[in-house]
N, C-alpha and C. Protein backbone atom coordinates (compact mmCIF):
# COMPACT_ATOMS: atom_id res chain seq x y z
N MET A 1 -13.01 8.55 -12.13
CA MET A 1 -12.66 7.75 -13.30
C MET A 1 -12.82 8.55 -14.58
N HIS A 2 -13.97 9.29 -14.72
CA HIS A 2 -14.20 10.08 -15.91
C HIS A 2 -13.17 11.19 -16.03
N THR A 3 -12.80 11.82 -14.90
CA THR A 3 -11.80 12.89 -14.91
C THR A 3 -10.45 12.36 -15.35
N GLN A 4 -10.06 11.18 -14.84
CA GLN A 4 -8.78 10.58 -15.20
C GLN A 4 -8.76 10.20 -16.67
N SER A 5 -9.88 9.65 -17.19
CA SER A 5 -9.94 9.27 -18.60
C SER A 5 -9.85 10.51 -19.48
N TYR A 6 -10.50 11.61 -19.05
CA TYR A 6 -10.44 12.86 -19.80
C TYR A 6 -9.02 13.38 -19.85
N LEU A 7 -8.30 13.28 -18.72
CA LEU A 7 -6.91 13.74 -18.65
C LEU A 7 -6.04 12.95 -19.60
N ILE A 8 -6.24 11.63 -19.65
CA ILE A 8 -5.46 10.79 -20.56
C ILE A 8 -5.72 11.20 -22.00
N GLY A 9 -7.00 11.42 -22.36
CA GLY A 9 -7.34 11.85 -23.70
C GLY A 9 -6.72 13.19 -24.04
N LEU A 10 -6.72 14.12 -23.09
CA LEU A 10 -6.14 15.44 -23.30
C LEU A 10 -4.63 15.34 -23.53
N LEU A 11 -3.96 14.51 -22.75
CA LEU A 11 -2.52 14.33 -22.93
C LEU A 11 -2.20 13.71 -24.28
N LEU A 12 -3.03 12.77 -24.73
CA LEU A 12 -2.81 12.13 -26.03
C LEU A 12 -2.95 13.15 -27.14
N CYS A 13 -4.02 13.97 -27.11
CA CYS A 13 -4.23 14.99 -28.13
C CYS A 13 -3.08 15.98 -28.15
N SER A 14 -2.63 16.37 -26.95
CA SER A 14 -1.53 17.33 -26.85
C SER A 14 -0.24 16.77 -27.41
N SER A 15 0.06 15.50 -27.12
CA SER A 15 1.30 14.91 -27.61
C SER A 15 1.28 14.74 -29.11
N LEU A 16 0.12 14.33 -29.67
CA LEU A 16 0.01 14.18 -31.12
C LEU A 16 0.10 15.53 -31.82
N SER A 17 -0.50 16.56 -31.22
CA SER A 17 -0.44 17.90 -31.79
C SER A 17 0.99 18.42 -31.79
N THR A 18 1.70 18.20 -30.67
CA THR A 18 3.10 18.63 -30.58
C THR A 18 3.95 17.92 -31.61
N PHE A 19 3.71 16.62 -31.80
CA PHE A 19 4.46 15.84 -32.78
C PHE A 19 4.22 16.36 -34.18
N ALA A 20 2.94 16.65 -34.50
CA ALA A 20 2.58 17.13 -35.83
C ALA A 20 3.21 18.49 -36.10
N ASN A 21 3.14 19.39 -35.11
CA ASN A 21 3.73 20.71 -35.28
C ASN A 21 5.24 20.63 -35.44
N THR A 22 5.86 19.77 -34.64
CA THR A 22 7.31 19.61 -34.74
C THR A 22 7.71 19.08 -36.11
N ALA A 23 6.99 18.06 -36.59
CA ALA A 23 7.30 17.48 -37.89
C ALA A 23 7.14 18.52 -38.99
N GLU A 24 6.11 19.35 -38.90
CA GLU A 24 5.88 20.39 -39.89
C GLU A 24 7.01 21.42 -39.87
N ASN A 25 7.43 21.81 -38.67
CA ASN A 25 8.52 22.78 -38.55
C ASN A 25 9.84 22.23 -39.06
N VAL A 26 10.09 20.97 -38.76
CA VAL A 26 11.32 20.33 -39.25
C VAL A 26 11.35 20.32 -40.77
N ALA A 27 10.20 19.99 -41.38
CA ALA A 27 10.11 19.96 -42.84
C ALA A 27 10.39 21.35 -43.43
N LYS A 28 9.86 22.40 -42.80
CA LYS A 28 10.08 23.77 -43.28
C LYS A 28 11.55 24.16 -43.20
N VAL A 29 12.20 23.81 -42.07
CA VAL A 29 13.61 24.14 -41.89
C VAL A 29 14.47 23.42 -42.93
N LYS A 30 14.18 22.14 -43.15
CA LYS A 30 14.94 21.37 -44.13
C LYS A 30 14.77 21.93 -45.54
N LYS A 31 13.54 22.35 -45.87
CA LYS A 31 13.26 22.93 -47.19
C LYS A 31 14.02 24.24 -47.37
N PHE A 32 13.99 25.08 -46.34
CA PHE A 32 14.70 26.35 -46.39
C PHE A 32 16.20 26.13 -46.55
N ALA A 33 16.74 25.16 -45.79
CA ALA A 33 18.17 24.89 -45.86
C ALA A 33 18.58 24.38 -47.23
N ALA A 34 17.74 23.50 -47.81
CA ALA A 34 18.04 22.96 -49.14
C ALA A 34 18.02 24.06 -50.19
N GLU A 35 17.07 24.97 -50.09
CA GLU A 35 16.96 26.05 -51.08
C GLU A 35 18.10 27.04 -50.98
N ASN A 36 18.71 27.16 -49.81
CA ASN A 36 19.77 28.14 -49.60
C ASN A 36 21.16 27.51 -49.45
N GLY A 37 21.24 26.22 -49.71
CA GLY A 37 22.54 25.56 -49.67
C GLY A 37 23.15 25.47 -48.29
N VAL A 38 22.30 25.37 -47.25
CA VAL A 38 22.79 25.29 -45.88
C VAL A 38 22.61 23.87 -45.36
N GLU A 39 23.65 23.34 -44.73
CA GLU A 39 23.57 22.01 -44.15
C GLU A 39 23.05 22.10 -42.72
N VAL A 40 22.04 21.29 -42.43
CA VAL A 40 21.49 21.25 -41.07
C VAL A 40 21.39 19.81 -40.60
N SER A 41 21.46 19.63 -39.30
CA SER A 41 21.28 18.32 -38.69
C SER A 41 20.12 18.40 -37.71
N ILE A 42 19.00 17.75 -38.07
CA ILE A 42 17.79 17.81 -37.26
C ILE A 42 17.32 16.40 -36.95
N GLY A 43 16.83 16.18 -35.75
CA GLY A 43 16.23 14.88 -35.46
C GLY A 43 16.82 14.19 -34.25
N ASN A 44 17.97 14.69 -33.76
CA ASN A 44 18.60 14.05 -32.61
C ASN A 44 18.62 14.95 -31.39
N ASN A 45 17.67 15.88 -31.29
CA ASN A 45 17.66 16.82 -30.18
C ASN A 45 17.49 16.12 -28.84
N SER A 46 16.53 15.19 -28.75
CA SER A 46 16.29 14.51 -27.48
C SER A 46 17.50 13.68 -27.07
N GLN A 47 18.09 13.01 -28.04
CA GLN A 47 19.28 12.22 -27.73
C GLN A 47 20.42 13.10 -27.23
N ALA A 48 20.61 14.25 -27.88
CA ALA A 48 21.65 15.17 -27.44
C ALA A 48 21.35 15.75 -26.07
N ASN A 49 20.09 16.04 -25.80
CA ASN A 49 19.71 16.63 -24.52
C ASN A 49 19.81 15.65 -23.36
N ARG A 50 19.86 14.34 -23.67
CA ARG A 50 20.05 13.36 -22.60
C ARG A 50 21.50 13.29 -22.13
N ALA A 51 22.40 13.83 -22.93
CA ALA A 51 23.83 13.77 -22.58
C ALA A 51 24.08 14.53 -21.28
N GLY A 52 24.82 13.91 -20.39
CA GLY A 52 25.17 14.55 -19.12
C GLY A 52 24.13 14.41 -18.03
N LYS A 53 22.96 13.86 -18.35
CA LYS A 53 21.92 13.67 -17.33
C LYS A 53 22.26 12.45 -16.48
N ARG A 54 21.90 12.53 -15.20
CA ARG A 54 22.16 11.41 -14.29
C ARG A 54 20.88 10.85 -13.69
N PHE A 55 19.90 11.69 -13.40
CA PHE A 55 18.69 11.22 -12.75
C PHE A 55 17.45 11.78 -13.45
N VAL A 56 16.35 11.05 -13.33
CA VAL A 56 15.07 11.50 -13.85
C VAL A 56 13.97 11.13 -12.85
N ILE A 57 13.05 12.05 -12.62
CA ILE A 57 11.89 11.83 -11.75
C ILE A 57 10.64 12.09 -12.58
N GLU A 58 9.71 11.11 -12.59
CA GLU A 58 8.55 11.21 -13.46
C GLU A 58 7.26 10.88 -12.71
N TYR A 59 6.19 11.52 -13.16
CA TYR A 59 4.83 11.15 -12.77
C TYR A 59 4.21 10.39 -13.93
N ASN A 60 3.53 9.27 -13.63
CA ASN A 60 2.97 8.43 -14.67
C ASN A 60 1.46 8.28 -14.50
N ILE A 61 0.74 8.27 -15.62
CA ILE A 61 -0.68 7.95 -15.61
C ILE A 61 -1.00 7.22 -16.92
N GLY A 62 -1.76 6.12 -16.82
CA GLY A 62 -2.05 5.35 -18.01
C GLY A 62 -3.16 4.35 -17.80
N MET A 63 -3.28 3.41 -18.75
CA MET A 63 -4.34 2.42 -18.73
C MET A 63 -3.76 1.01 -18.74
N GLU A 64 -4.31 0.17 -17.88
CA GLU A 64 -4.02 -1.26 -17.91
C GLU A 64 -5.37 -1.96 -18.01
N LEU A 65 -5.67 -2.45 -19.20
CA LEU A 65 -7.02 -2.90 -19.55
C LEU A 65 -7.97 -1.72 -19.34
N ASP A 66 -9.02 -1.86 -18.52
CA ASP A 66 -9.93 -0.74 -18.29
C ASP A 66 -9.66 -0.07 -16.95
N LEU A 67 -8.47 -0.30 -16.39
CA LEU A 67 -8.10 0.27 -15.10
C LEU A 67 -7.14 1.44 -15.30
N VAL A 68 -7.37 2.52 -14.57
CA VAL A 68 -6.48 3.68 -14.63
C VAL A 68 -5.36 3.50 -13.61
N SER A 69 -4.13 3.65 -14.08
CA SER A 69 -2.95 3.46 -13.24
C SER A 69 -2.22 4.79 -13.07
N GLN A 70 -1.78 5.08 -11.84
CA GLN A 70 -1.00 6.28 -11.55
C GLN A 70 0.21 5.89 -10.71
N GLY A 71 1.28 6.64 -10.86
CA GLY A 71 2.46 6.31 -10.08
C GLY A 71 3.60 7.27 -10.33
N ALA A 72 4.80 6.86 -9.90
CA ALA A 72 6.00 7.69 -10.03
C ALA A 72 7.20 6.79 -10.30
N THR A 73 8.20 7.37 -10.97
CA THR A 73 9.40 6.62 -11.32
C THR A 73 10.64 7.45 -10.99
N LEU A 74 11.62 6.81 -10.38
CA LEU A 74 12.93 7.41 -10.16
C LEU A 74 13.92 6.63 -11.01
N GLY A 75 14.61 7.34 -11.91
CA GLY A 75 15.51 6.67 -12.82
C GLY A 75 16.93 7.19 -12.75
N TYR A 76 17.88 6.31 -13.10
CA TYR A 76 19.29 6.66 -13.15
C TYR A 76 19.81 6.40 -14.56
N PHE A 77 20.43 7.41 -15.17
CA PHE A 77 20.99 7.26 -16.51
C PHE A 77 22.27 6.43 -16.44
N PHE A 78 22.12 5.16 -16.77
CA PHE A 78 23.28 4.28 -16.83
C PHE A 78 24.19 4.70 -17.98
N SER A 79 23.58 5.20 -19.05
CA SER A 79 24.28 5.76 -20.20
C SER A 79 23.35 6.77 -20.86
N GLN A 80 23.81 7.39 -21.94
CA GLN A 80 22.98 8.37 -22.62
C GLN A 80 21.70 7.75 -23.16
N ASN A 81 21.76 6.47 -23.49
CA ASN A 81 20.61 5.78 -24.08
C ASN A 81 20.09 4.64 -23.22
N GLY A 82 20.41 4.66 -21.94
CA GLY A 82 19.92 3.61 -21.05
C GLY A 82 19.60 4.14 -19.66
N VAL A 83 18.40 3.81 -19.16
CA VAL A 83 17.97 4.29 -17.86
C VAL A 83 17.48 3.11 -17.01
N ILE A 84 18.05 2.98 -15.82
CA ILE A 84 17.58 2.00 -14.84
C ILE A 84 16.60 2.71 -13.92
N GLY A 85 15.42 2.14 -13.72
CA GLY A 85 14.40 2.83 -12.95
C GLY A 85 13.75 1.97 -11.88
N LEU A 86 13.25 2.65 -10.85
CA LEU A 86 12.44 2.02 -9.81
C LEU A 86 11.09 2.73 -9.84
N ALA A 87 10.04 1.97 -10.14
CA ALA A 87 8.72 2.57 -10.37
C ALA A 87 7.69 2.01 -9.40
N TYR A 88 6.82 2.90 -8.91
CA TYR A 88 5.67 2.50 -8.10
C TYR A 88 4.40 2.94 -8.81
N SER A 89 3.42 2.05 -8.87
CA SER A 89 2.14 2.42 -9.49
C SER A 89 0.99 1.80 -8.69
N ARG A 90 -0.15 2.47 -8.77
CA ARG A 90 -1.35 2.02 -8.09
C ARG A 90 -2.53 2.14 -9.05
N LEU A 91 -3.31 1.09 -9.13
CA LEU A 91 -4.51 1.15 -9.96
C LEU A 91 -5.70 0.65 -9.17
N LYS A 92 -6.85 1.25 -9.44
CA LYS A 92 -8.07 0.92 -8.71
C LYS A 92 -9.26 1.09 -9.63
N ASN A 93 -10.17 0.14 -9.54
CA ASN A 93 -11.38 0.19 -10.35
C ASN A 93 -12.59 -0.04 -9.46
N ASP A 94 -13.49 0.93 -9.38
CA ASP A 94 -14.72 0.81 -8.60
C ASP A 94 -15.89 0.63 -9.56
N SER A 95 -16.75 -0.31 -9.25
CA SER A 95 -17.93 -0.55 -10.07
C SER A 95 -19.16 -0.57 -9.18
N ASP A 96 -20.02 0.44 -9.33
CA ASP A 96 -21.21 0.52 -8.50
C ASP A 96 -22.23 -0.56 -8.87
N SER A 97 -22.21 -1.00 -10.14
CA SER A 97 -23.22 -1.95 -10.59
C SER A 97 -23.02 -3.34 -10.00
N THR A 98 -21.77 -3.72 -9.78
CA THR A 98 -21.48 -5.05 -9.25
C THR A 98 -20.94 -5.00 -7.82
N TYR A 99 -20.79 -3.78 -7.28
CA TYR A 99 -20.25 -3.61 -5.93
C TYR A 99 -18.89 -4.29 -5.79
N SER A 100 -18.05 -4.13 -6.79
CA SER A 100 -16.73 -4.76 -6.75
C SER A 100 -15.63 -3.71 -6.81
N THR A 101 -14.52 -4.02 -6.17
CA THR A 101 -13.36 -3.13 -6.15
C THR A 101 -12.10 -3.95 -6.36
N ILE A 102 -11.27 -3.49 -7.30
CA ILE A 102 -9.96 -4.08 -7.52
C ILE A 102 -8.91 -3.02 -7.22
N THR A 103 -7.98 -3.34 -6.33
CA THR A 103 -6.90 -2.42 -5.99
C THR A 103 -5.58 -3.17 -6.13
N SER A 104 -4.63 -2.54 -6.82
CA SER A 104 -3.35 -3.19 -7.02
C SER A 104 -2.21 -2.18 -6.83
N ASN A 105 -1.20 -2.59 -6.07
CA ASN A 105 -0.01 -1.78 -5.87
C ASN A 105 1.18 -2.55 -6.44
N THR A 106 1.96 -1.86 -7.29
CA THR A 106 3.05 -2.53 -7.99
C THR A 106 4.36 -1.79 -7.79
N LEU A 107 5.43 -2.54 -7.51
CA LEU A 107 6.78 -2.03 -7.44
C LEU A 107 7.59 -2.71 -8.53
N GLN A 108 8.24 -1.92 -9.37
CA GLN A 108 8.87 -2.49 -10.56
C GLN A 108 10.29 -1.97 -10.77
N LEU A 109 11.18 -2.88 -11.15
CA LEU A 109 12.54 -2.54 -11.53
C LEU A 109 12.60 -2.59 -13.06
N THR A 110 12.98 -1.46 -13.69
CA THR A 110 12.90 -1.37 -15.14
C THR A 110 14.24 -1.00 -15.76
N TYR A 111 14.35 -1.29 -17.05
CA TYR A 111 15.47 -0.81 -17.86
C TYR A 111 14.91 -0.29 -19.17
N LYS A 112 15.14 1.00 -19.44
CA LYS A 112 14.65 1.64 -20.65
C LYS A 112 15.83 1.84 -21.60
N ALA A 113 15.74 1.24 -22.79
CA ALA A 113 16.79 1.35 -23.79
C ALA A 113 16.30 2.20 -24.95
N TYR A 114 16.94 3.34 -25.19
CA TYR A 114 16.59 4.21 -26.32
C TYR A 114 17.26 3.68 -27.58
N LEU A 115 16.47 3.52 -28.61
CA LEU A 115 16.98 3.04 -29.90
C LEU A 115 16.97 4.20 -30.89
N GLY A 116 17.79 5.22 -30.62
CA GLY A 116 17.80 6.40 -31.46
C GLY A 116 17.42 7.63 -30.66
N ASN A 117 16.72 8.55 -31.32
CA ASN A 117 16.43 9.85 -30.73
C ASN A 117 15.44 9.76 -29.58
N SER A 118 14.26 9.15 -29.80
CA SER A 118 13.23 9.14 -28.76
C SER A 118 12.57 7.78 -28.57
N PHE A 119 12.64 6.91 -29.56
CA PHE A 119 11.98 5.60 -29.45
C PHE A 119 12.72 4.71 -28.46
N TYR A 120 11.95 3.98 -27.64
CA TYR A 120 12.57 3.12 -26.63
C TYR A 120 11.81 1.81 -26.45
N VAL A 121 12.51 0.87 -25.85
CA VAL A 121 11.93 -0.38 -25.35
C VAL A 121 12.18 -0.40 -23.85
N ASP A 122 11.11 -0.60 -23.08
CA ASP A 122 11.19 -0.57 -21.62
C ASP A 122 10.77 -1.94 -21.08
N ALA A 123 11.69 -2.63 -20.43
CA ALA A 123 11.40 -3.96 -19.87
C ALA A 123 11.63 -3.94 -18.37
N GLY A 124 10.85 -4.75 -17.65
CA GLY A 124 11.01 -4.74 -16.20
C GLY A 124 10.45 -5.97 -15.51
N LEU A 125 10.86 -6.14 -14.26
CA LEU A 125 10.35 -7.17 -13.38
C LEU A 125 9.59 -6.48 -12.25
N PHE A 126 8.43 -7.04 -11.87
CA PHE A 126 7.62 -6.35 -10.87
C PHE A 126 7.09 -7.28 -9.79
N TYR A 127 6.76 -6.64 -8.66
CA TYR A 127 6.06 -7.27 -7.54
C TYR A 127 4.69 -6.60 -7.45
N MET A 128 3.61 -7.38 -7.42
CA MET A 128 2.25 -6.85 -7.43
C MET A 128 1.45 -7.39 -6.25
N ASN A 129 0.83 -6.47 -5.52
CA ASN A 129 -0.05 -6.81 -4.39
C ASN A 129 -1.47 -6.44 -4.78
N THR A 130 -2.34 -7.44 -4.93
CA THR A 130 -3.69 -7.21 -5.45
C THR A 130 -4.75 -7.57 -4.41
N LYS A 131 -5.79 -6.71 -4.32
CA LYS A 131 -6.94 -6.95 -3.46
C LYS A 131 -8.21 -6.87 -4.30
N TYR A 132 -9.07 -7.88 -4.14
CA TYR A 132 -10.33 -7.92 -4.88
C TYR A 132 -11.47 -8.15 -3.89
N ASP A 133 -12.42 -7.22 -3.85
CA ASP A 133 -13.57 -7.33 -2.97
C ASP A 133 -14.84 -7.16 -3.80
N SER A 134 -15.81 -8.06 -3.58
CA SER A 134 -17.05 -8.01 -4.34
C SER A 134 -18.21 -8.45 -3.48
N LYS A 135 -19.36 -7.77 -3.64
CA LYS A 135 -20.59 -8.15 -2.95
C LYS A 135 -21.69 -8.38 -3.98
N SER A 136 -22.35 -9.52 -3.87
CA SER A 136 -23.49 -9.81 -4.73
C SER A 136 -24.77 -9.65 -3.93
N LEU A 137 -25.75 -8.97 -4.48
CA LEU A 137 -26.98 -8.66 -3.76
C LEU A 137 -28.19 -9.26 -4.45
N TYR A 138 -29.20 -9.65 -3.63
CA TYR A 138 -30.48 -10.03 -4.18
C TYR A 138 -31.18 -8.80 -4.75
N ARG A 139 -32.24 -9.02 -5.49
CA ARG A 139 -32.99 -7.94 -6.13
C ARG A 139 -33.51 -6.94 -5.11
N PHE A 140 -33.90 -7.42 -3.93
CA PHE A 140 -34.50 -6.53 -2.92
C PHE A 140 -33.46 -6.04 -1.91
N GLY A 141 -32.19 -6.14 -2.24
CA GLY A 141 -31.15 -5.55 -1.41
C GLY A 141 -30.63 -6.45 -0.32
N LEU A 142 -31.03 -7.72 -0.27
CA LEU A 142 -30.51 -8.65 0.73
C LEU A 142 -29.17 -9.20 0.28
N GLU A 143 -28.22 -9.24 1.18
CA GLU A 143 -26.88 -9.68 0.81
C GLU A 143 -26.86 -11.16 0.48
N GLU A 144 -26.26 -11.50 -0.63
CA GLU A 144 -26.18 -12.90 -1.06
C GLU A 144 -24.83 -13.52 -0.70
N SER A 145 -23.74 -12.86 -1.10
CA SER A 145 -22.42 -13.42 -0.82
C SER A 145 -21.35 -12.35 -0.95
N ASP A 146 -20.22 -12.62 -0.31
CA ASP A 146 -19.05 -11.74 -0.42
C ASP A 146 -17.91 -12.54 -1.04
N THR A 147 -17.10 -11.83 -1.85
CA THR A 147 -15.89 -12.42 -2.41
C THR A 147 -14.72 -11.54 -2.02
N ASN A 148 -13.77 -12.10 -1.28
CA ASN A 148 -12.59 -11.37 -0.86
C ASN A 148 -11.35 -12.18 -1.25
N TYR A 149 -10.52 -11.57 -2.08
CA TYR A 149 -9.35 -12.27 -2.58
C TYR A 149 -8.11 -11.38 -2.44
N ARG A 150 -7.01 -11.99 -1.98
CA ARG A 150 -5.74 -11.28 -1.83
C ARG A 150 -4.65 -12.11 -2.48
N SER A 151 -3.75 -11.44 -3.21
CA SER A 151 -2.65 -12.18 -3.83
C SER A 151 -1.41 -11.29 -3.93
N LYS A 152 -0.26 -11.93 -3.88
CA LYS A 152 1.02 -11.27 -4.11
C LYS A 152 1.74 -12.06 -5.19
N ASP A 153 2.12 -11.35 -6.26
CA ASP A 153 2.67 -12.02 -7.43
C ASP A 153 3.93 -11.34 -7.93
N LEU A 154 4.74 -12.12 -8.65
CA LEU A 154 5.89 -11.61 -9.38
C LEU A 154 5.62 -11.76 -10.87
N GLY A 155 6.13 -10.82 -11.65
CA GLY A 155 5.89 -10.90 -13.09
C GLY A 155 6.90 -10.07 -13.88
N ALA A 156 6.67 -10.02 -15.18
CA ALA A 156 7.53 -9.28 -16.10
C ALA A 156 6.67 -8.47 -17.06
N GLN A 157 7.26 -7.40 -17.57
CA GLN A 157 6.52 -6.52 -18.45
C GLN A 157 7.45 -5.90 -19.48
N ILE A 158 6.94 -5.64 -20.68
CA ILE A 158 7.71 -4.95 -21.71
C ILE A 158 6.80 -3.96 -22.42
N ARG A 159 7.32 -2.76 -22.71
CA ARG A 159 6.56 -1.71 -23.37
C ARG A 159 7.43 -1.04 -24.43
N ILE A 160 6.76 -0.42 -25.40
CA ILE A 160 7.45 0.39 -26.40
C ILE A 160 6.83 1.78 -26.41
N GLY A 161 7.64 2.81 -26.71
CA GLY A 161 7.10 4.16 -26.73
C GLY A 161 8.11 5.16 -27.22
N ASN A 162 7.78 6.42 -27.04
CA ASN A 162 8.66 7.53 -27.39
C ASN A 162 8.74 8.48 -26.21
N GLN A 163 9.94 9.00 -25.97
CA GLN A 163 10.14 9.98 -24.91
C GLN A 163 11.04 11.09 -25.42
N TRP A 164 10.57 12.33 -25.23
CA TRP A 164 11.29 13.50 -25.72
C TRP A 164 11.92 14.24 -24.55
N GLN A 165 13.14 14.72 -24.78
CA GLN A 165 13.90 15.39 -23.73
C GLN A 165 14.23 16.81 -24.17
N TRP A 166 13.88 17.79 -23.31
CA TRP A 166 14.30 19.16 -23.52
C TRP A 166 15.45 19.44 -22.54
N ASP A 167 15.63 20.66 -22.12
CA ASP A 167 16.75 20.94 -21.22
C ASP A 167 16.67 20.10 -19.94
N ASN A 168 15.62 20.32 -19.17
CA ASN A 168 15.41 19.52 -17.96
C ASN A 168 14.04 18.87 -17.92
N PHE A 169 13.17 19.21 -18.84
CA PHE A 169 11.82 18.64 -18.88
C PHE A 169 11.79 17.45 -19.83
N THR A 170 11.07 16.41 -19.43
CA THR A 170 10.92 15.23 -20.27
C THR A 170 9.47 14.79 -20.32
N PHE A 171 9.04 14.33 -21.49
CA PHE A 171 7.67 13.87 -21.69
C PHE A 171 7.69 12.65 -22.59
N GLY A 172 6.94 11.61 -22.18
CA GLY A 172 6.93 10.39 -22.98
C GLY A 172 5.60 9.66 -22.93
N VAL A 173 5.47 8.69 -23.82
CA VAL A 173 4.26 7.88 -23.91
C VAL A 173 4.64 6.43 -24.18
N ASP A 174 4.20 5.52 -23.29
CA ASP A 174 4.22 4.08 -23.62
C ASP A 174 3.01 3.84 -24.52
N TRP A 175 3.23 3.53 -25.78
CA TRP A 175 2.11 3.34 -26.69
C TRP A 175 1.37 2.05 -26.38
N ILE A 176 2.11 0.99 -26.17
CA ILE A 176 1.49 -0.30 -25.88
C ILE A 176 2.50 -1.18 -25.15
N GLY A 177 1.99 -2.09 -24.34
CA GLY A 177 2.87 -3.01 -23.64
C GLY A 177 2.11 -4.27 -23.24
N VAL A 178 2.86 -5.25 -22.78
CA VAL A 178 2.25 -6.49 -22.32
C VAL A 178 2.94 -6.91 -21.03
N GLY A 179 2.15 -7.39 -20.06
CA GLY A 179 2.68 -7.86 -18.79
C GLY A 179 2.17 -9.26 -18.49
N HIS A 180 2.88 -9.95 -17.62
CA HIS A 180 2.48 -11.31 -17.25
C HIS A 180 2.84 -11.57 -15.79
N THR A 181 1.84 -11.97 -15.00
CA THR A 181 2.07 -12.36 -13.61
C THR A 181 2.33 -13.86 -13.58
N GLY A 182 3.59 -14.23 -13.56
CA GLY A 182 3.95 -15.64 -13.73
C GLY A 182 4.14 -16.42 -12.46
N VAL A 183 4.48 -15.75 -11.34
CA VAL A 183 4.79 -16.45 -10.10
C VAL A 183 3.91 -15.92 -8.98
N ASN A 184 3.10 -16.80 -8.37
CA ASN A 184 2.28 -16.41 -7.24
C ASN A 184 3.03 -16.71 -5.94
N ILE A 185 3.18 -15.68 -5.08
CA ILE A 185 3.88 -15.84 -3.81
C ILE A 185 2.91 -16.32 -2.73
N THR A 186 1.84 -15.57 -2.51
CA THR A 186 0.80 -15.97 -1.56
C THR A 186 -0.56 -15.59 -2.11
N LYS A 187 -1.59 -16.27 -1.62
CA LYS A 187 -2.96 -15.91 -1.99
C LYS A 187 -3.90 -16.31 -0.87
N GLU A 188 -4.95 -15.52 -0.70
CA GLU A 188 -5.98 -15.78 0.31
C GLU A 188 -7.34 -15.66 -0.37
N GLY A 189 -8.19 -16.64 -0.12
CA GLY A 189 -9.52 -16.63 -0.73
C GLY A 189 -9.52 -17.26 -2.10
N GLU A 190 -10.68 -17.22 -2.75
CA GLU A 190 -10.85 -17.83 -4.05
C GLU A 190 -10.74 -16.77 -5.14
N ARG A 191 -9.86 -17.00 -6.11
CA ARG A 191 -9.65 -16.04 -7.19
C ARG A 191 -10.92 -15.89 -8.00
N PRO A 192 -11.35 -14.65 -8.27
CA PRO A 192 -12.56 -14.42 -9.07
C PRO A 192 -12.43 -15.03 -10.46
N LEU A 193 -13.56 -15.45 -11.02
CA LEU A 193 -13.54 -16.02 -12.37
C LEU A 193 -13.04 -15.00 -13.38
N TYR A 194 -13.44 -13.73 -13.19
CA TYR A 194 -12.99 -12.67 -14.08
C TYR A 194 -12.00 -11.78 -13.34
N ASP A 195 -10.72 -12.13 -13.45
CA ASP A 195 -9.67 -11.37 -12.78
C ASP A 195 -8.84 -10.66 -13.84
N GLU A 196 -8.95 -9.32 -13.88
CA GLU A 196 -8.30 -8.55 -14.93
C GLU A 196 -6.78 -8.60 -14.87
N LEU A 197 -6.22 -8.94 -13.72
CA LEU A 197 -4.78 -8.94 -13.56
C LEU A 197 -4.19 -10.34 -13.46
N ASP A 198 -4.96 -11.34 -13.81
CA ASP A 198 -4.50 -12.73 -13.76
C ASP A 198 -3.88 -13.09 -15.09
N GLY A 199 -2.63 -13.59 -15.06
CA GLY A 199 -1.99 -14.03 -16.29
C GLY A 199 -1.47 -12.87 -17.11
N THR A 200 -1.77 -12.89 -18.41
CA THR A 200 -1.27 -11.88 -19.34
C THR A 200 -2.26 -10.74 -19.50
N TYR A 201 -1.76 -9.50 -19.51
CA TYR A 201 -2.63 -8.34 -19.66
C TYR A 201 -1.92 -7.29 -20.52
N ILE A 202 -2.73 -6.36 -21.04
CA ILE A 202 -2.25 -5.33 -21.96
C ILE A 202 -2.23 -3.97 -21.27
N THR A 203 -1.20 -3.18 -21.55
CA THR A 203 -1.15 -1.80 -21.08
C THR A 203 -1.19 -0.87 -22.28
N LEU A 204 -1.89 0.27 -22.11
CA LEU A 204 -2.05 1.23 -23.20
C LEU A 204 -1.82 2.66 -22.71
N LEU A 205 -1.15 3.46 -23.52
CA LEU A 205 -1.06 4.91 -23.32
C LEU A 205 -0.70 5.29 -21.89
N ASN A 206 0.48 4.88 -21.49
CA ASN A 206 1.01 5.30 -20.19
C ASN A 206 1.85 6.56 -20.39
N PHE A 207 1.35 7.70 -19.90
CA PHE A 207 2.03 8.98 -20.08
C PHE A 207 3.02 9.23 -18.95
N GLN A 208 4.15 9.87 -19.30
CA GLN A 208 5.19 10.18 -18.34
C GLN A 208 5.61 11.64 -18.50
N ALA A 209 5.66 12.34 -17.41
CA ALA A 209 6.13 13.73 -17.42
C ALA A 209 6.98 13.97 -16.19
N GLY A 210 8.12 14.65 -16.38
CA GLY A 210 8.97 14.86 -15.22
C GLY A 210 10.18 15.73 -15.54
N VAL A 211 11.17 15.63 -14.68
CA VAL A 211 12.39 16.41 -14.81
C VAL A 211 13.59 15.48 -14.78
N SER A 212 14.64 15.85 -15.49
CA SER A 212 15.89 15.10 -15.48
C SER A 212 17.02 16.08 -15.26
N PHE A 213 18.05 15.61 -14.59
CA PHE A 213 19.16 16.51 -14.25
C PHE A 213 20.44 15.71 -14.04
């Protein structure tokens, strides 16, 4: 968990640093062009680099509440500014203090719409399979009770972010998003009082890196 959180922080620092350096370089180029009477067009590189692409394969890592999520996405460029994707993600949270484990596997159909050079809105419908196991212990280590819960749900999610495209390499960040598990298909056991994936939940800083061709 600590290693994954460190990786997320490292990716965030790297993306912000790249953005800052790029913005500084763009400003220098524009200043030079203005001083020398040269016309330049800067700012649509990612949009231009998406032209002619048909497929994208990405690795994803991010946060859903306090849970670390990892997965992969296969996308098809429906247009230069629209990508239809099939995404799989898995998140797991282990807590030694409460002896509880939450595991969730999600399959999602998404549509990412670029609104300009790199900014996008990503909306999708998902199927989620969740397992929750918890053991409560007495002070002297005697087992008190077990909680085992299984559920399969359907839901929807929307995120906003930025994704930059180079020749074949792509890197993006979902800055924030919201999801909702609205339809329960099946369930076994009693749902825990504190269920992080029940109802509406927040997603933060989902990083994407991959190749497009």
